[in-house]
Amino acid sequence: MLQPDDPAVLALGERVYGAHCAACHGARLEGQPDWRDRDAEGLLPAPPHDENGHTWHHPDAQLLAIVKLGLPQVIGQPDYRTTMPAYGGVLSDSEIVAVLSWIKSRWPAGIRARHDAVNAQARAAR
C-alpha cells in the first residue's frame, strides 16, 4: 500500500506532513520530548515517526486506519484520550498514504526491511 519509492507520492507526502503533522511529530520526525510518559492531563505526547519510534512496528493498513479513523476507534476504546485527531474528514486516503509513504522513505534501509516483514506477516495472517 505505501509507496516509499515513488517521487510524486513522496512530494505530496512531504507537503501534507509539513502542513498537518510536523507541528506535533516534528519536522525531522523526532516527536515530542518524553513521548512515552503521560503528561499532567494523562495524555501521551506525540511519538516520533523516525526509526526510534514505533510507527514501523505496525502494518500499512493499521497505520492508515489510525490516521484516518483515530486511535480510539482503531483500538475499540471510544473513551481513550489523545491529542491526535482523526484525519478522515481532512485528508483523502491518497494523502494519508502519501504522508505514510514519505515517513517510511525517511527510515534507514534496515528499518524499512523490518517494516516490510511486518506487512508480510499481516498479509499472511489474513
N, C-alpha and C. Protein backbone atom coordinates (compact mmCIF):
# COMPACT_ATOMS: atom_id res chain seq x y z
N MET A 1 0.82 -1.18 0.00
CA MET A 1 0.00 0.00 0.00
C MET A 1 0.87 1.26 0.00
N LEU A 2 1.86 1.34 0.91
CA LEU A 2 2.73 2.52 0.93
C LEU A 2 3.65 2.48 -0.28
N GLN A 3 4.05 3.67 -0.72
CA GLN A 3 4.86 3.81 -1.92
C GLN A 3 6.09 4.67 -1.62
N PRO A 4 7.01 4.16 -0.79
CA PRO A 4 8.14 4.98 -0.35
C PRO A 4 9.21 5.24 -1.40
N ASP A 5 9.02 4.73 -2.61
CA ASP A 5 9.99 4.95 -3.68
C ASP A 5 9.41 5.73 -4.85
N ASP A 6 8.20 6.24 -4.72
CA ASP A 6 7.53 6.98 -5.79
C ASP A 6 7.73 8.48 -5.56
N PRO A 7 8.53 9.16 -6.39
CA PRO A 7 8.83 10.58 -6.16
C PRO A 7 7.60 11.48 -6.09
N ALA A 8 6.59 11.23 -6.91
CA ALA A 8 5.39 12.08 -6.88
C ALA A 8 4.62 11.89 -5.58
N VAL A 9 4.50 10.67 -5.13
CA VAL A 9 3.83 10.37 -3.86
C VAL A 9 4.60 11.01 -2.71
N LEU A 10 5.91 10.92 -2.75
CA LEU A 10 6.73 11.47 -1.67
C LEU A 10 6.66 12.99 -1.63
N ALA A 11 6.60 13.63 -2.78
CA ALA A 11 6.48 15.09 -2.81
C ALA A 11 5.17 15.53 -2.15
N LEU A 12 4.09 14.84 -2.47
CA LEU A 12 2.80 15.14 -1.84
C LEU A 12 2.87 14.84 -0.35
N GLY A 13 3.42 13.71 0.01
CA GLY A 13 3.51 13.33 1.41
C GLY A 13 4.30 14.32 2.24
N GLU A 14 5.40 14.82 1.69
CA GLU A 14 6.20 15.80 2.42
C GLU A 14 5.42 17.10 2.65
N ARG A 15 4.67 17.54 1.63
CA ARG A 15 3.85 18.75 1.78
C ARG A 15 2.76 18.56 2.84
N VAL A 16 2.06 17.44 2.76
CA VAL A 16 0.97 17.18 3.70
C VAL A 16 1.52 17.01 5.11
N TYR A 17 2.64 16.30 5.25
CA TYR A 17 3.25 16.14 6.57
C TYR A 17 3.60 17.50 7.16
N GLY A 18 4.21 18.35 6.37
CA GLY A 18 4.57 19.68 6.84
C GLY A 18 3.37 20.49 7.29
N ALA A 19 2.27 20.35 6.58
CA ALA A 19 1.07 21.13 6.89
C ALA A 19 0.25 20.56 8.05
N HIS A 20 0.26 19.24 8.24
CA HIS A 20 -0.66 18.62 9.21
C HIS A 20 0.00 17.82 10.33
N CYS A 21 1.27 17.47 10.19
CA CYS A 21 1.87 16.54 11.15
C CYS A 21 3.09 17.08 11.88
N ALA A 22 3.88 17.88 11.19
CA ALA A 22 5.17 18.32 11.73
C ALA A 22 5.05 19.12 13.02
N ALA A 23 3.98 19.87 13.19
CA ALA A 23 3.84 20.69 14.40
C ALA A 23 3.90 19.84 15.67
N CYS A 24 3.38 18.63 15.60
CA CYS A 24 3.40 17.75 16.77
C CYS A 24 4.50 16.69 16.68
N HIS A 25 4.63 16.05 15.52
CA HIS A 25 5.57 14.94 15.37
C HIS A 25 6.98 15.38 14.99
N GLY A 26 7.17 16.68 14.73
CA GLY A 26 8.50 17.20 14.46
C GLY A 26 8.86 17.24 12.99
N ALA A 27 9.56 18.28 12.60
CA ALA A 27 9.98 18.44 11.21
C ALA A 27 10.91 17.31 10.77
N ARG A 28 11.64 16.73 11.72
CA ARG A 28 12.56 15.64 11.42
C ARG A 28 12.03 14.29 11.93
N LEU A 29 10.72 14.23 12.14
CA LEU A 29 10.05 13.00 12.61
C LEU A 29 10.43 12.63 14.04
N GLU A 30 11.00 13.58 14.80
CA GLU A 30 11.55 13.29 16.12
C GLU A 30 10.53 13.18 17.23
N GLY A 31 9.29 13.58 17.01
CA GLY A 31 8.27 13.51 18.06
C GLY A 31 8.51 14.54 19.15
N GLN A 32 7.68 14.47 20.17
CA GLN A 32 7.81 15.39 21.29
C GLN A 32 8.64 14.77 22.40
N PRO A 33 9.29 15.60 23.23
CA PRO A 33 10.08 15.06 24.34
C PRO A 33 9.23 14.18 25.26
N ASP A 34 9.87 13.20 25.82
CA ASP A 34 9.23 12.30 26.80
C ASP A 34 7.94 11.69 26.26
N TRP A 35 7.97 11.29 25.00
CA TRP A 35 6.77 10.81 24.32
C TRP A 35 6.19 9.53 24.91
N ARG A 36 6.92 8.84 25.72
CA ARG A 36 6.41 7.61 26.35
C ARG A 36 5.76 7.85 27.71
N ASP A 37 5.86 9.09 28.19
CA ASP A 37 5.35 9.42 29.52
C ASP A 37 4.14 10.34 29.42
N ARG A 38 3.08 9.97 30.10
CA ARG A 38 1.86 10.78 30.09
C ARG A 38 2.13 12.13 30.77
N ASP A 39 1.48 13.16 30.25
CA ASP A 39 1.63 14.49 30.84
C ASP A 39 0.68 14.66 32.02
N ALA A 40 0.62 15.86 32.57
CA ALA A 40 -0.21 16.13 33.75
C ALA A 40 -1.69 15.86 33.49
N GLU A 41 -2.11 15.93 32.24
CA GLU A 41 -3.51 15.67 31.90
C GLU A 41 -3.76 14.21 31.53
N GLY A 42 -2.72 13.39 31.62
CA GLY A 42 -2.85 11.97 31.31
C GLY A 42 -2.72 11.64 29.84
N LEU A 43 -2.26 12.59 29.04
CA LEU A 43 -2.13 12.38 27.60
C LEU A 43 -0.68 12.08 27.22
N LEU A 44 -0.51 11.23 26.24
CA LEU A 44 0.83 10.94 25.74
C LEU A 44 1.24 11.99 24.72
N PRO A 45 2.47 12.49 24.80
CA PRO A 45 2.96 13.40 23.76
C PRO A 45 3.04 12.66 22.42
N ALA A 46 3.16 13.42 21.34
CA ALA A 46 3.26 12.84 20.00
C ALA A 46 4.55 12.03 19.88
N PRO A 47 4.44 10.78 19.44
CA PRO A 47 5.64 9.94 19.30
C PRO A 47 6.43 10.31 18.05
N PRO A 48 7.68 9.90 18.02
CA PRO A 48 8.46 10.09 16.81
C PRO A 48 8.00 9.12 15.72
N HIS A 49 8.22 9.53 14.49
CA HIS A 49 7.95 8.63 13.36
C HIS A 49 9.23 8.19 12.69
N ASP A 50 10.38 8.53 13.31
CA ASP A 50 11.64 8.06 12.76
C ASP A 50 11.88 6.64 13.27
N GLU A 51 13.08 6.13 13.06
CA GLU A 51 13.39 4.74 13.45
C GLU A 51 13.36 4.53 14.95
N ASN A 52 13.35 5.60 15.74
CA ASN A 52 13.32 5.47 17.19
C ASN A 52 11.91 5.30 17.76
N GLY A 53 10.92 5.53 16.95
CA GLY A 53 9.53 5.39 17.38
C GLY A 53 9.00 3.99 17.12
N HIS A 54 7.70 3.86 17.18
CA HIS A 54 7.08 2.55 16.98
C HIS A 54 6.22 2.49 15.72
N THR A 55 6.24 3.53 14.92
CA THR A 55 5.42 3.55 13.71
C THR A 55 5.68 2.33 12.84
N TRP A 56 6.94 2.02 12.65
CA TRP A 56 7.31 0.92 11.76
C TRP A 56 6.94 -0.45 12.31
N HIS A 57 6.49 -0.52 13.53
CA HIS A 57 6.05 -1.79 14.13
C HIS A 57 4.65 -2.18 13.66
N HIS A 58 3.95 -1.28 12.98
CA HIS A 58 2.57 -1.50 12.58
C HIS A 58 2.45 -1.66 11.07
N PRO A 59 1.60 -2.57 10.60
CA PRO A 59 1.41 -2.73 9.15
C PRO A 59 0.73 -1.51 8.53
N ASP A 60 0.92 -1.37 7.24
CA ASP A 60 0.38 -0.24 6.49
C ASP A 60 -1.10 0.00 6.77
N ALA A 61 -1.90 -1.05 6.69
CA ALA A 61 -3.35 -0.90 6.85
C ALA A 61 -3.70 -0.33 8.22
N GLN A 62 -2.99 -0.75 9.25
CA GLN A 62 -3.27 -0.24 10.59
C GLN A 62 -2.85 1.22 10.70
N LEU A 63 -1.72 1.59 10.12
CA LEU A 63 -1.29 2.99 10.14
C LEU A 63 -2.31 3.88 9.43
N LEU A 64 -2.78 3.44 8.27
CA LEU A 64 -3.79 4.20 7.54
C LEU A 64 -5.04 4.37 8.39
N ALA A 65 -5.48 3.30 9.04
CA ALA A 65 -6.69 3.36 9.86
C ALA A 65 -6.50 4.31 11.05
N ILE A 66 -5.34 4.29 11.68
CA ILE A 66 -5.11 5.18 12.83
C ILE A 66 -5.20 6.63 12.40
N VAL A 67 -4.55 6.96 11.28
CA VAL A 67 -4.58 8.35 10.82
C VAL A 67 -5.98 8.74 10.36
N LYS A 68 -6.64 7.87 9.64
CA LYS A 68 -7.96 8.18 9.08
C LYS A 68 -9.06 8.20 10.13
N LEU A 69 -9.10 7.17 10.96
CA LEU A 69 -10.22 6.98 11.89
C LEU A 69 -9.94 7.46 13.31
N GLY A 70 -8.68 7.56 13.66
CA GLY A 70 -8.29 7.92 15.01
C GLY A 70 -8.03 6.68 15.85
N LEU A 71 -7.08 6.81 16.76
CA LEU A 71 -6.69 5.68 17.60
C LEU A 71 -7.83 5.12 18.44
N PRO A 72 -8.68 5.94 19.06
CA PRO A 72 -9.76 5.37 19.88
C PRO A 72 -10.64 4.38 19.10
N GLN A 73 -10.96 4.72 17.85
CA GLN A 73 -11.80 3.83 17.06
C GLN A 73 -11.03 2.57 16.66
N VAL A 74 -9.78 2.73 16.28
CA VAL A 74 -9.00 1.58 15.83
C VAL A 74 -8.78 0.58 16.96
N ILE A 75 -8.56 1.06 18.17
CA ILE A 75 -8.33 0.14 19.29
C ILE A 75 -9.63 -0.26 19.99
N GLY A 76 -10.74 0.28 19.52
CA GLY A 76 -12.04 -0.08 20.09
C GLY A 76 -12.27 0.47 21.48
N GLN A 77 -11.66 1.62 21.77
CA GLN A 77 -11.84 2.26 23.08
C GLN A 77 -12.26 3.71 22.84
N PRO A 78 -13.55 3.95 22.64
CA PRO A 78 -14.01 5.30 22.29
C PRO A 78 -13.70 6.36 23.34
N ASP A 79 -13.43 5.97 24.57
CA ASP A 79 -13.12 6.94 25.62
C ASP A 79 -11.62 7.20 25.77
N TYR A 80 -10.80 6.55 24.94
CA TYR A 80 -9.36 6.77 25.00
C TYR A 80 -9.05 8.21 24.63
N ARG A 81 -8.29 8.89 25.47
CA ARG A 81 -7.99 10.31 25.25
C ARG A 81 -6.64 10.46 24.55
N THR A 82 -6.65 11.25 23.49
CA THR A 82 -5.45 11.52 22.72
C THR A 82 -5.57 12.90 22.08
N THR A 83 -4.44 13.51 21.83
CA THR A 83 -4.47 14.79 21.11
C THR A 83 -4.44 14.58 19.60
N MET A 84 -4.22 13.37 19.16
CA MET A 84 -4.16 13.06 17.73
C MET A 84 -5.57 12.98 17.17
N PRO A 85 -5.91 13.90 16.26
CA PRO A 85 -7.25 13.85 15.67
C PRO A 85 -7.34 12.77 14.59
N ALA A 86 -8.55 12.41 14.27
CA ALA A 86 -8.80 11.57 13.10
C ALA A 86 -8.77 12.49 11.88
N TYR A 87 -8.08 12.08 10.84
CA TYR A 87 -7.93 12.93 9.66
C TYR A 87 -8.82 12.51 8.50
N GLY A 88 -9.74 11.58 8.72
CA GLY A 88 -10.61 11.11 7.65
C GLY A 88 -11.43 12.19 6.99
N GLY A 89 -11.83 13.19 7.71
CA GLY A 89 -12.59 14.29 7.13
C GLY A 89 -11.74 15.44 6.64
N VAL A 90 -10.43 15.29 6.82
CA VAL A 90 -9.50 16.37 6.47
C VAL A 90 -8.63 15.98 5.27
N LEU A 91 -8.11 14.76 5.30
CA LEU A 91 -7.22 14.27 4.25
C LEU A 91 -7.87 13.11 3.51
N SER A 92 -7.58 13.02 2.23
CA SER A 92 -8.05 11.87 1.44
C SER A 92 -7.18 10.66 1.76
N ASP A 93 -7.66 9.49 1.39
CA ASP A 93 -6.87 8.27 1.58
C ASP A 93 -5.53 8.39 0.87
N SER A 94 -5.52 8.97 -0.34
CA SER A 94 -4.27 9.09 -1.08
C SER A 94 -3.30 10.05 -0.40
N GLU A 95 -3.82 11.08 0.25
CA GLU A 95 -2.95 11.99 1.01
C GLU A 95 -2.38 11.29 2.24
N ILE A 96 -3.18 10.49 2.90
CA ILE A 96 -2.71 9.76 4.07
C ILE A 96 -1.65 8.75 3.66
N VAL A 97 -1.89 8.03 2.57
CA VAL A 97 -0.89 7.08 2.06
C VAL A 97 0.39 7.82 1.69
N ALA A 98 0.26 9.01 1.11
CA ALA A 98 1.44 9.79 0.73
C ALA A 98 2.25 10.18 1.96
N VAL A 99 1.58 10.64 3.01
CA VAL A 99 2.28 11.01 4.25
C VAL A 99 3.00 9.80 4.83
N LEU A 100 2.29 8.70 4.94
CA LEU A 100 2.91 7.50 5.49
C LEU A 100 4.05 7.00 4.61
N SER A 101 3.91 7.13 3.30
CA SER A 101 4.98 6.75 2.38
C SER A 101 6.20 7.62 2.59
N TRP A 102 5.97 8.93 2.75
CA TRP A 102 7.09 9.85 2.97
C TRP A 102 7.80 9.51 4.28
N ILE A 103 7.02 9.23 5.32
CA ILE A 103 7.63 8.85 6.60
C ILE A 103 8.49 7.61 6.40
N LYS A 104 7.96 6.59 5.75
CA LYS A 104 8.73 5.35 5.54
C LYS A 104 9.98 5.61 4.71
N SER A 105 9.89 6.52 3.78
CA SER A 105 11.05 6.81 2.93
C SER A 105 12.22 7.39 3.71
N ARG A 106 11.95 7.92 4.90
CA ARG A 106 12.99 8.53 5.72
C ARG A 106 13.69 7.51 6.63
N TRP A 107 13.15 6.31 6.73
CA TRP A 107 13.73 5.29 7.61
C TRP A 107 14.98 4.68 6.97
N PRO A 108 15.93 4.26 7.80
CA PRO A 108 17.08 3.53 7.27
C PRO A 108 16.64 2.22 6.61
N ALA A 109 17.47 1.72 5.71
CA ALA A 109 17.13 0.51 4.95
C ALA A 109 16.74 -0.66 5.86
N GLY A 110 17.45 -0.84 6.95
CA GLY A 110 17.15 -1.96 7.84
C GLY A 110 15.78 -1.86 8.48
N ILE A 111 15.39 -0.66 8.85
CA ILE A 111 14.05 -0.44 9.44
C ILE A 111 12.98 -0.63 8.36
N ARG A 112 13.24 -0.14 7.16
CA ARG A 112 12.28 -0.35 6.07
C ARG A 112 12.09 -1.84 5.81
N ALA A 113 13.16 -2.60 5.84
CA ALA A 113 13.07 -4.05 5.62
C ALA A 113 12.27 -4.71 6.75
N ARG A 114 12.48 -4.26 7.97
CA ARG A 114 11.71 -4.82 9.09
C ARG A 114 10.23 -4.47 8.95
N HIS A 115 9.93 -3.25 8.48
CA HIS A 115 8.53 -2.87 8.26
C HIS A 115 7.93 -3.71 7.14
N ASP A 116 8.69 -3.99 6.10
CA ASP A 116 8.20 -4.87 5.03
C ASP A 116 7.85 -6.24 5.60
N ALA A 117 8.65 -6.72 6.53
CA ALA A 117 8.37 -8.02 7.16
C ALA A 117 7.10 -7.95 8.01
N VAL A 118 6.88 -6.84 8.69
CA VAL A 118 5.63 -6.64 9.45
C VAL A 118 4.43 -6.73 8.51
N ASN A 119 4.54 -6.08 7.35
CA ASN A 119 3.45 -6.14 6.37
C ASN A 119 3.25 -7.55 5.84
N ALA A 120 4.32 -8.26 5.57
CA ALA A 120 4.21 -9.64 5.07
C ALA A 120 3.53 -10.52 6.10
N GLN A 121 3.89 -10.33 7.36
CA GLN A 121 3.26 -11.11 8.43
C GLN A 121 1.77 -10.78 8.53
N ALA A 122 1.41 -9.52 8.39
CA ALA A 122 0.00 -9.13 8.46
C ALA A 122 -0.79 -9.72 7.29
N ARG A 123 -0.19 -9.72 6.11
CA ARG A 123 -0.86 -10.32 4.95
C ARG A 123 -1.06 -11.82 5.14
N ALA A 124 -0.06 -12.49 5.69
CA ALA A 124 -0.15 -13.93 5.90
C ALA A 124 -1.21 -14.29 6.94
N ALA A 125 -1.44 -13.39 7.89
CA ALA A 125 -2.42 -13.64 8.95
C ALA A 125 -3.85 -13.48 8.47
N ARG A 126 -4.05 -12.83 7.33
CA ARG A 126 -5.41 -12.62 6.83
C ARG A 126 -6.00 -13.84 6.22
